[in-house]
Amino acid sequence: MNTEFKDYSPSQIQSKLQACIDYEAKYGECLTVTSWKKWCNSYEFRKNEWEFRQNVAKSIKYGI
């Protein structure tokens, strides 16, 4: 398991952000897209989300 956070490339992040913008233009705002946009715009948000997923995996693996 990877124990160090490695951020996505700027092009991948920009692509996801553009997909979110396109989705909102077509269907309107929703909380899921809002959170994805926050993910795209914040390094700390991405890092915290990654740490959260790692801790969930550890709790399942070790039964904590």
Protein backbone atom coordinates (compact mmCIF):
# COMPACT_ATOMS: atom_id res chain seq x y z
CA MET A 1 0.00 0.00 0.00
CA ASN A 2 1.22 3.47 -0.86
CA THR A 3 2.03 5.35 2.35
CA GLU A 4 2.81 8.73 0.80
CA PHE A 5 0.33 11.08 -0.84
CA LYS A 6 1.01 11.68 -4.51
CA ASP A 7 -1.15 14.33 -6.11
CA TYR A 8 -2.74 13.97 -9.52
CA SER A 9 -1.24 15.79 -12.49
CA PRO A 10 -2.53 19.30 -13.19
CA SER A 11 -3.96 18.14 -16.51
CA GLN A 12 -6.00 15.39 -14.80
CA ILE A 13 -7.30 17.85 -12.21
CA GLN A 14 -8.16 20.41 -14.89
CA SER A 15 -9.96 17.75 -16.93
CA LYS A 16 -12.09 16.74 -13.93
CA LEU A 17 -12.85 20.38 -13.13
CA GLN A 18 -13.97 20.97 -16.72
CA ALA A 19 -16.20 17.88 -16.53
CA CYS A 20 -17.79 19.31 -13.37
CA ILE A 21 -18.39 22.67 -15.02
CA ASP A 22 -19.92 21.00 -18.08
CA TYR A 23 -22.16 18.84 -15.89
CA GLU A 24 -23.42 21.85 -13.93
CA ALA A 25 -24.08 23.76 -17.14
CA LYS A 26 -26.22 20.90 -18.41
CA TYR A 27 -27.97 19.68 -15.23
CA GLY A 28 -27.56 22.43 -12.64
CA GLU A 29 -25.79 22.45 -9.29
CA CYS A 30 -25.69 19.47 -6.96
CA LEU A 31 -23.71 18.69 -3.81
CA THR A 32 -21.65 15.94 -5.44
CA VAL A 33 -20.37 18.25 -8.17
CA THR A 34 -19.75 21.01 -5.63
CA SER A 35 -17.52 18.66 -3.62
CA TRP A 36 -15.67 17.55 -6.77
CA LYS A 37 -15.02 21.18 -7.64
CA LYS A 38 -13.65 21.75 -4.15
CA TRP A 39 -11.46 18.65 -4.62
CA CYS A 40 -10.14 20.07 -7.88
CA ASN A 41 -9.38 23.49 -6.42
CA SER A 42 -7.69 22.51 -3.15
CA TYR A 43 -4.50 20.53 -2.66
CA GLU A 44 -5.26 20.22 1.08
CA PHE A 45 -8.75 18.87 0.35
CA ARG A 46 -7.29 16.18 -1.95
CA LYS A 47 -4.64 15.27 0.61
CA ASN A 48 -7.16 15.08 3.47
CA GLU A 49 -9.51 12.98 1.36
CA TRP A 50 -6.65 10.59 0.54
CA GLU A 51 -5.70 10.31 4.23
CA PHE A 52 -9.32 9.62 5.12
CA ARG A 53 -9.50 6.76 2.58
CA GLN A 54 -6.22 5.32 3.89
CA ASN A 55 -7.55 5.32 7.45
CA VAL A 56 -10.80 3.66 6.38
CA ALA A 57 -8.79 0.92 4.66
CA LYS A 58 -6.65 0.44 7.77
CA SER A 59 -9.68 0.19 10.01
CA ILE A 60 -11.19 -2.49 7.78
CA LYS A 61 -7.90 -4.38 7.50
CA TYR A 62 -7.16 -4.36 11.22
CA GLY A 63 -10.74 -4.34 12.50
CA ILE A 64 -10.22 -1.22 14.59
